[in-house]
């Protein structure tokens, strides 16, 4: 217990500092995370929680996180692990692996601390663990059953805020564009090579 308290105190000190190192912001252990959040609450800080993949980080992500942070004092970001992302988005996602996503997110001024969400856990485990003052979600999220909306999580949050997407594009759209672009380039290359292939085949027949 004494070791746990020491680790929690160190985490709080780092979170409140201006450092952007991942080691100062990332708390993978949910037990330590809860201790840290509880201590910050006792110090008078309002905790905001939001969650997502944050694959191929773009302007919309940054604006969304800035808006989320503006609702409180400390923004906790639950980042979907690679395994959870594949389960929810398909076998070709994420494009950017979890460690790189965590590194990039740690450098955003709006993000106070980070943790990972795992495929083995119930989708609402992080919410139930930290009991945020404010839960921020997006209209594009698939975490919640639209029929029941947020009823299941209301008792664990002081308030639930739903934000619209903050950009005209999305990571999924960008991945689709890249895929289509790659397919177009491949098709173009095949079309360019067909005349030569036909010529080679005809020459081979004539010489047979």
C-alpha atoms as a PDB file:
ATOM      1  CA  UNK A   1       0.000   0.000   0.000  1.00  0.00           C
ATOM      2  CA  UNK A   2       2.825   2.372   0.864  1.00  0.00           C
ATOM      3  CA  UNK A   3       4.438   1.729  -2.546  1.00  0.00           C
ATOM      4  CA  UNK A   4       1.096   2.367  -4.244  1.00  0.00           C
ATOM      5  CA  UNK A   5       0.659   5.710  -2.421  1.00  0.00           C
ATOM      6  CA  UNK A   6       4.190   6.772  -3.365  1.00  0.00           C
ATOM      7  CA  UNK A   7       3.549   5.934  -7.026  1.00  0.00           C
ATOM      8  CA  UNK A   8       0.223   7.820  -6.960  1.00  0.00           C
ATOM      9  CA  UNK A   9       1.806  10.944  -5.435  1.00  0.00           C
ATOM     10  CA  UNK A  10       4.509  10.922  -8.094  1.00  0.00           C
ATOM     11  CA  UNK A  11       1.866  10.580 -10.840  1.00  0.00           C
ATOM     12  CA  UNK A  12      -0.133  13.557  -9.533  1.00  0.00           C
ATOM     13  CA  UNK A  13       3.003  15.708  -9.396  1.00  0.00           C
ATOM     14  CA  UNK A  14       3.856  14.822 -12.988  1.00  0.00           C
ATOM     15  CA  UNK A  15       0.319  15.352 -14.252  1.00  0.00           C
ATOM     16  CA  UNK A  16       0.202  18.849 -12.791  1.00  0.00           C
ATOM     17  CA  UNK A  17       3.593  19.738 -14.296  1.00  0.00           C
ATOM     18  CA  UNK A  18       4.136  21.180 -17.784  1.00  0.00           C
ATOM     19  CA  UNK A  19       6.061  18.117 -18.996  1.00  0.00           C
ATOM     20  CA  UNK A  20       4.753  16.322 -22.091  1.00  0.00           C
ATOM     21  CA  UNK A  21       6.701  13.083 -21.642  1.00  0.00           C
ATOM     22  CA  UNK A  22       4.558   9.985 -22.013  1.00  0.00           C
ATOM     23  CA  UNK A  23       6.054   8.510 -18.847  1.00  0.00           C
ATOM     24  CA  UNK A  24       4.675  11.494 -16.907  1.00  0.00           C
ATOM     25  CA  UNK A  25       1.165  11.217 -18.316  1.00  0.00           C
ATOM     26  CA  UNK A  26       0.485   7.533 -19.017  1.00  0.00           C
ATOM     27  CA  UNK A  27      -1.045   5.373 -16.251  1.00  0.00           C
ATOM     28  CA  UNK A  28      -1.768   1.854 -17.542  1.00  0.00           C
ATOM     29  CA  UNK A  29      -2.721   0.307 -14.190  1.00  0.00           C
ATOM     30  CA  UNK A  30      -6.401   1.056 -13.447  1.00  0.00           C
ATOM     31  CA  UNK A  31      -5.889   0.712  -9.702  1.00  0.00           C
ATOM     32  CA  UNK A  32      -3.157   3.357  -9.745  1.00  0.00           C
ATOM     33  CA  UNK A  33      -5.278   5.438 -12.110  1.00  0.00           C
ATOM     34  CA  UNK A  34      -8.219   5.414  -9.688  1.00  0.00           C
ATOM     35  CA  UNK A  35      -5.935   6.412  -6.800  1.00  0.00           C
ATOM     36  CA  UNK A  36      -4.561   9.268  -8.889  1.00  0.00           C
ATOM     37  CA  UNK A  37      -7.985  10.502 -10.000  1.00  0.00           C
ATOM     38  CA  UNK A  38      -9.353  10.330  -6.450  1.00  0.00           C
ATOM     39  CA  UNK A  39      -6.432  12.370  -5.158  1.00  0.00           C
ATOM     40  CA  UNK A  40      -6.913  14.999  -7.861  1.00  0.00           C
ATOM     41  CA  UNK A  41     -10.627  15.203  -6.998  1.00  0.00           C
ATOM     42  CA  UNK A  42      -9.773  15.664  -3.316  1.00  0.00           C
ATOM     43  CA  UNK A  43      -7.470  18.522  -4.352  1.00  0.00           C
ATOM     44  CA  UNK A  44     -10.436  20.229  -5.998  1.00  0.00           C
ATOM     45  CA  UNK A  45      -9.765  19.393  -9.649  1.00  0.00           C
ATOM     46  CA  UNK A  46     -12.689  18.615 -11.959  1.00  0.00           C
ATOM     47  CA  UNK A  47     -11.977  15.417 -13.936  1.00  0.00           C
ATOM     48  CA  UNK A  48     -13.089  15.082 -17.556  1.00  0.00           C
ATOM     49  CA  UNK A  49     -12.964  11.687 -19.268  1.00  0.00           C
ATOM     50  CA  UNK A  50     -13.178  10.965 -22.977  1.00  0.00           C
ATOM     51  CA  UNK A  51     -12.303   7.866 -24.990  1.00  0.00           C
ATOM     52  CA  UNK A  52     -11.443   6.798 -28.529  1.00  0.00           C
ATOM     53  CA  UNK A  53      -8.954   5.374 -31.008  1.00  0.00           C
ATOM     54  CA  UNK A  54      -7.229   8.579 -32.208  1.00  0.00           C
ATOM     55  CA  UNK A  55      -5.795   6.813 -35.223  1.00  0.00           C
ATOM     56  CA  UNK A  56      -4.013   9.052 -37.758  1.00  0.00           C
ATOM     57  CA  UNK A  57      -4.326  12.064 -35.430  1.00  0.00           C
ATOM     58  CA  UNK A  58      -5.837  15.070 -37.228  1.00  0.00           C
ATOM     59  CA  UNK A  59      -7.207  18.572 -36.622  1.00  0.00           C
ATOM     60  CA  UNK A  60     -10.640  17.329 -35.626  1.00  0.00           C
ATOM     61  CA  UNK A  61      -9.139  15.214 -32.832  1.00  0.00           C
ATOM     62  CA  UNK A  62      -7.213  18.214 -31.498  1.00  0.00           C
ATOM     63  CA  UNK A  63     -10.290  20.482 -31.486  1.00  0.00           C
ATOM     64  CA  UNK A  64     -12.406  17.794 -29.843  1.00  0.00           C
ATOM     65  CA  UNK A  65      -9.856  17.286 -27.048  1.00  0.00           C
ATOM     66  CA  UNK A  66      -9.505  21.039 -26.511  1.00  0.00           C
ATOM     67  CA  UNK A  67     -13.289  21.360 -26.106  1.00  0.00           C
ATOM     68  CA  UNK A  68     -13.364  18.407 -23.731  1.00  0.00           C
ATOM     69  CA  UNK A  69     -10.564  19.860 -21.590  1.00  0.00           C
ATOM     70  CA  UNK A  70     -12.317  23.257 -21.431  1.00  0.00           C
ATOM     71  CA  UNK A  71     -15.167  21.620 -19.504  1.00  0.00           C
ATOM     72  CA  UNK A  72     -12.955  20.852 -16.501  1.00  0.00           C
ATOM     73  CA  UNK A  73      -9.424  20.968 -15.096  1.00  0.00           C
ATOM     74  CA  UNK A  74      -7.926  17.554 -15.881  1.00  0.00           C
ATOM     75  CA  UNK A  75      -8.575  15.634 -19.097  1.00  0.00           C
ATOM     76  CA  UNK A  76      -8.149  11.862 -18.889  1.00  0.00           C
ATOM     77  CA  UNK A  77      -8.003  10.178 -22.277  1.00  0.00           C
ATOM     78  CA  UNK A  78      -8.825   6.481 -22.646  1.00  0.00           C
ATOM     79  CA  UNK A  79      -7.110   5.262 -25.831  1.00  0.00           C
ATOM     80  CA  UNK A  80      -8.311   2.059 -27.495  1.00  0.00           C
ATOM     81  CA  UNK A  81      -5.578  -0.589 -27.666  1.00  0.00           C
ATOM     82  CA  UNK A  82      -4.607  -2.111 -31.012  1.00  0.00           C
ATOM     83  CA  UNK A  83      -6.553  -5.262 -30.158  1.00  0.00           C
ATOM     84  CA  UNK A  84      -9.698  -3.357 -29.204  1.00  0.00           C
ATOM     85  CA  UNK A  85      -9.417  -1.198 -32.339  1.00  0.00           C
ATOM     86  CA  UNK A  86      -9.191  -4.275 -34.582  1.00  0.00           C
ATOM     87  CA  UNK A  87     -12.218  -5.736 -32.822  1.00  0.00           C
ATOM     88  CA  UNK A  88     -14.276  -2.591 -33.383  1.00  0.00           C
ATOM     89  CA  UNK A  89     -12.897  -1.185 -36.656  1.00  0.00           C
ATOM     90  CA  UNK A  90     -11.706  -4.250 -38.558  1.00  0.00           C
ATOM     91  CA  UNK A  91      -8.454  -6.145 -39.192  1.00  0.00           C
ATOM     92  CA  UNK A  92      -6.737  -3.286 -41.051  1.00  0.00           C
ATOM     93  CA  UNK A  93      -6.981  -0.836 -38.182  1.00  0.00           C
ATOM     94  CA  UNK A  94      -5.382   0.907 -36.489  1.00  0.00           C
ATOM     95  CA  UNK A  95      -3.048   2.414 -39.067  1.00  0.00           C
ATOM     96  CA  UNK A  96      -0.907   3.874 -36.261  1.00  0.00           C
ATOM     97  CA  UNK A  97       0.050   1.438 -33.436  1.00  0.00           C
ATOM     98  CA  UNK A  98      -0.984   2.179 -29.850  1.00  0.00           C
ATOM     99  CA  UNK A  99       2.428   3.208 -28.525  1.00  0.00           C
ATOM    100  CA  UNK A 100       2.860   5.789 -31.261  1.00  0.00           C
ATOM    101  CA  UNK A 101      -0.690   7.083 -30.732  1.00  0.00           C
ATOM    102  CA  UNK A 102      -0.015   7.440 -27.012  1.00  0.00           C
ATOM    103  CA  UNK A 103       3.248   9.284 -27.691  1.00  0.00           C
ATOM    104  CA  UNK A 104       1.576  11.805 -30.002  1.00  0.00           C
ATOM    105  CA  UNK A 105      -1.390  12.380 -27.693  1.00  0.00           C
ATOM    106  CA  UNK A 106       0.891  12.975 -24.691  1.00  0.00           C
ATOM    107  CA  UNK A 107       2.291  16.024 -26.494  1.00  0.00           C
ATOM    108  CA  UNK A 108      -1.106  17.720 -26.828  1.00  0.00           C
ATOM    109  CA  UNK A 109      -1.473  20.456 -24.223  1.00  0.00           C
ATOM    110  CA  UNK A 110      -5.130  19.574 -23.662  1.00  0.00           C
ATOM    111  CA  UNK A 111      -4.350  16.006 -22.539  1.00  0.00           C
ATOM    112  CA  UNK A 112      -3.492  15.673 -18.845  1.00  0.00           C
ATOM    113  CA  UNK A 113      -3.187  11.893 -18.575  1.00  0.00           C
ATOM    114  CA  UNK A 114      -3.713   8.777 -20.647  1.00  0.00           C
ATOM    115  CA  UNK A 115      -4.542   5.130 -20.227  1.00  0.00           C
ATOM    116  CA  UNK A 116      -5.376   2.227 -22.538  1.00  0.00           C
ATOM    117  CA  UNK A 117      -8.720   0.501 -22.985  1.00  0.00           C
ATOM    118  CA  UNK A 118      -8.438  -3.231 -23.620  1.00  0.00           C
ATOM    119  CA  UNK A 119     -10.513  -5.697 -25.634  1.00  0.00           C
ATOM    120  CA  UNK A 120     -10.700  -8.027 -22.629  1.00  0.00           C
ATOM    121  CA  UNK A 121     -12.538  -5.422 -20.525  1.00  0.00           C
ATOM    122  CA  UNK A 122     -16.213  -4.392 -20.634  1.00  0.00           C
ATOM    123  CA  UNK A 123     -16.561  -1.232 -22.733  1.00  0.00           C
ATOM    124  CA  UNK A 124     -17.598   0.842 -19.712  1.00  0.00           C
ATOM    125  CA  UNK A 125     -14.887  -0.337 -17.301  1.00  0.00           C
ATOM    126  CA  UNK A 126     -12.858   2.880 -17.431  1.00  0.00           C
ATOM    127  CA  UNK A 127     -15.950   5.006 -16.759  1.00  0.00           C
ATOM    128  CA  UNK A 128     -16.903   2.877 -13.757  1.00  0.00           C
ATOM    129  CA  UNK A 129     -13.337   2.905 -12.448  1.00  0.00           C
ATOM    130  CA  UNK A 130     -12.614   6.643 -12.441  1.00  0.00           C
ATOM    131  CA  UNK A 131     -16.181   8.013 -12.058  1.00  0.00           C
ATOM    132  CA  UNK A 132     -15.413  11.282 -13.851  1.00  0.00           C
ATOM    133  CA  UNK A 133     -17.055  14.582 -13.011  1.00  0.00           C
ATOM    134  CA  UNK A 134     -17.767  14.922 -16.738  1.00  0.00           C
ATOM    135  CA  UNK A 135     -17.883  12.219 -19.405  1.00  0.00           C
ATOM    136  CA  UNK A 136     -17.438  13.615 -22.906  1.00  0.00           C
ATOM    137  CA  UNK A 137     -18.456  11.573 -25.908  1.00  0.00           C
ATOM    138  CA  UNK A 138     -19.081  12.237 -29.579  1.00  0.00           C
ATOM    139  CA  UNK A 139     -22.194  11.789 -31.684  1.00  0.00           C
ATOM    140  CA  UNK A 140     -20.066   9.483 -33.851  1.00  0.00           C
ATOM    141  CA  UNK A 141     -19.156   7.056 -31.051  1.00  0.00           C
ATOM    142  CA  UNK A 142     -20.435   3.476 -31.020  1.00  0.00           C
ATOM    143  CA  UNK A 143     -19.769   2.914 -27.315  1.00  0.00           C
ATOM    144  CA  UNK A 144     -23.373   3.433 -26.309  1.00  0.00           C
ATOM    145  CA  UNK A 145     -26.597   1.749 -27.259  1.00  0.00           C
ATOM    146  CA  UNK A 146     -28.628   4.543 -28.886  1.00  0.00           C
ATOM    147  CA  UNK A 147     -31.850   3.104 -27.476  1.00  0.00           C
ATOM    148  CA  UNK A 148     -30.697   3.370 -23.887  1.00  0.00           C
ATOM    149  CA  UNK A 149     -28.313   6.237 -24.654  1.00  0.00           C
ATOM    150  CA  UNK A 150     -26.257   6.914 -21.503  1.00  0.00           C
ATOM    151  CA  UNK A 151     -28.594   5.567 -18.807  1.00  0.00           C
ATOM    152  CA  UNK A 152     -26.206   2.764 -17.878  1.00  0.00           C
ATOM    153  CA  UNK A 153     -23.399   5.219 -17.100  1.00  0.00           C
ATOM    154  CA  UNK A 154     -25.252   8.181 -15.569  1.00  0.00           C
ATOM    155  CA  UNK A 155     -24.712   6.947 -12.006  1.00  0.00           C
ATOM    156  CA  UNK A 156     -20.923   6.918 -12.556  1.00  0.00           C
ATOM    157  CA  UNK A 157     -20.628  10.472 -13.949  1.00  0.00           C
ATOM    158  CA  UNK A 158     -21.492  13.881 -12.624  1.00  0.00           C
ATOM    159  CA  UNK A 159     -22.475  14.985 -16.130  1.00  0.00           C
ATOM    160  CA  UNK A 160     -22.430  13.579 -19.672  1.00  0.00           C
ATOM    161  CA  UNK A 161     -21.653  15.935 -22.561  1.00  0.00           C
ATOM    162  CA  UNK A 162     -22.071  14.928 -26.213  1.00  0.00           C
ATOM    163  CA  UNK A 163     -19.980  16.829 -28.756  1.00  0.00           C
ATOM    164  CA  UNK A 164     -20.383  16.770 -32.545  1.00  0.00           C
ATOM    165  CA  UNK A 165     -17.370  15.802 -34.708  1.00  0.00           C
ATOM    166  CA  UNK A 166     -14.944  18.720 -34.913  1.00  0.00           C
ATOM    167  CA  UNK A 167     -13.766  18.259 -38.514  1.00  0.00           C
ATOM    168  CA  UNK A 168     -15.233  17.686 -41.965  1.00  0.00           C
ATOM    169  CA  UNK A 169     -13.255  14.462 -42.298  1.00  0.00           C
ATOM    170  CA  UNK A 170     -12.628  11.399 -40.150  1.00  0.00           C
ATOM    171  CA  UNK A 171      -9.877   8.827 -39.818  1.00  0.00           C
ATOM    172  CA  UNK A 172     -12.104   6.221 -41.460  1.00  0.00           C
ATOM    173  CA  UNK A 173     -12.697   8.541 -44.421  1.00  0.00           C
ATOM    174  CA  UNK A 174      -8.980   9.208 -44.740  1.00  0.00           C
ATOM    175  CA  UNK A 175      -8.164   5.501 -44.689  1.00  0.00           C
ATOM    176  CA  UNK A 176     -10.807   4.944 -47.372  1.00  0.00           C
ATOM    177  CA  UNK A 177      -9.327   7.739 -49.519  1.00  0.00           C
ATOM    178  CA  UNK A 178      -5.849   6.269 -49.203  1.00  0.00           C
ATOM    179  CA  UNK A 179      -7.158   2.822 -50.128  1.00  0.00           C
ATOM    180  CA  UNK A 180      -9.028   4.140 -53.152  1.00  0.00           C
ATOM    181  CA  UNK A 181      -6.020   6.204 -54.178  1.00  0.00           C
ATOM    182  CA  UNK A 182      -3.774   3.158 -53.919  1.00  0.00           C
ATOM    183  CA  UNK A 183      -6.223   1.069 -55.950  1.00  0.00           C
ATOM    184  CA  UNK A 184      -6.428   3.775 -58.630  1.00  0.00           C
ATOM    185  CA  UNK A 185      -2.654   3.924 -58.896  1.00  0.00           C
ATOM    186  CA  UNK A 186      -2.454   0.143 -59.201  1.00  0.00           C
ATOM    187  CA  UNK A 187      -5.169   0.101 -61.878  1.00  0.00           C
ATOM    188  CA  UNK A 188      -3.395   2.870 -63.791  1.00  0.00           C
ATOM    189  CA  UNK A 189      -0.118   0.983 -63.689  1.00  0.00           C
ATOM    190  CA  UNK A 190      -1.814  -2.196 -64.959  1.00  0.00           C
ATOM    191  CA  UNK A 191      -3.470  -0.279 -67.810  1.00  0.00           C
ATOM    192  CA  UNK A 192      -0.141   1.226 -68.815  1.00  0.00           C
ATOM    193  CA  UNK A 193       1.468  -2.199 -68.931  1.00  0.00           C
ATOM    194  CA  UNK A 194      -1.309  -4.029 -70.832  1.00  0.00           C
ATOM    195  CA  UNK A 195      -0.265  -2.885 -74.356  1.00  0.00           C
ATOM    196  CA  UNK A 196       3.271  -4.113 -73.780  1.00  0.00           C
ATOM    197  CA  UNK A 197       2.029  -7.382 -72.325  1.00  0.00           C
ATOM    198  CA  UNK A 198      -0.243  -7.931 -75.346  1.00  0.00           C
ATOM    199  CA  UNK A 199       2.615  -7.118 -77.716  1.00  0.00           C
ATOM    200  CA  UNK A 200       4.922  -9.551 -75.909  1.00  0.00           C
ATOM    201  CA  UNK A 201       2.256 -12.286 -76.109  1.00  0.00           C
ATOM    202  CA  UNK A 202       1.699 -11.704 -79.837  1.00  0.00           C
ATOM    203  CA  UNK A 203       5.449 -11.738 -80.498  1.00  0.00           C
ATOM    204  CA  UNK A 204       5.744 -14.998 -78.604  1.00  0.00           C
ATOM    205  CA  UNK A 205       2.949 -16.552 -80.722  1.00  0.00           C
ATOM    206  CA  UNK A 206       4.541 -15.379 -83.979  1.00  0.00           C
ATOM    207  CA  UNK A 207       7.911 -16.782 -82.962  1.00  0.00           C
ATOM    208  CA  UNK A 208       6.488 -20.106 -81.814  1.00  0.00           C
END
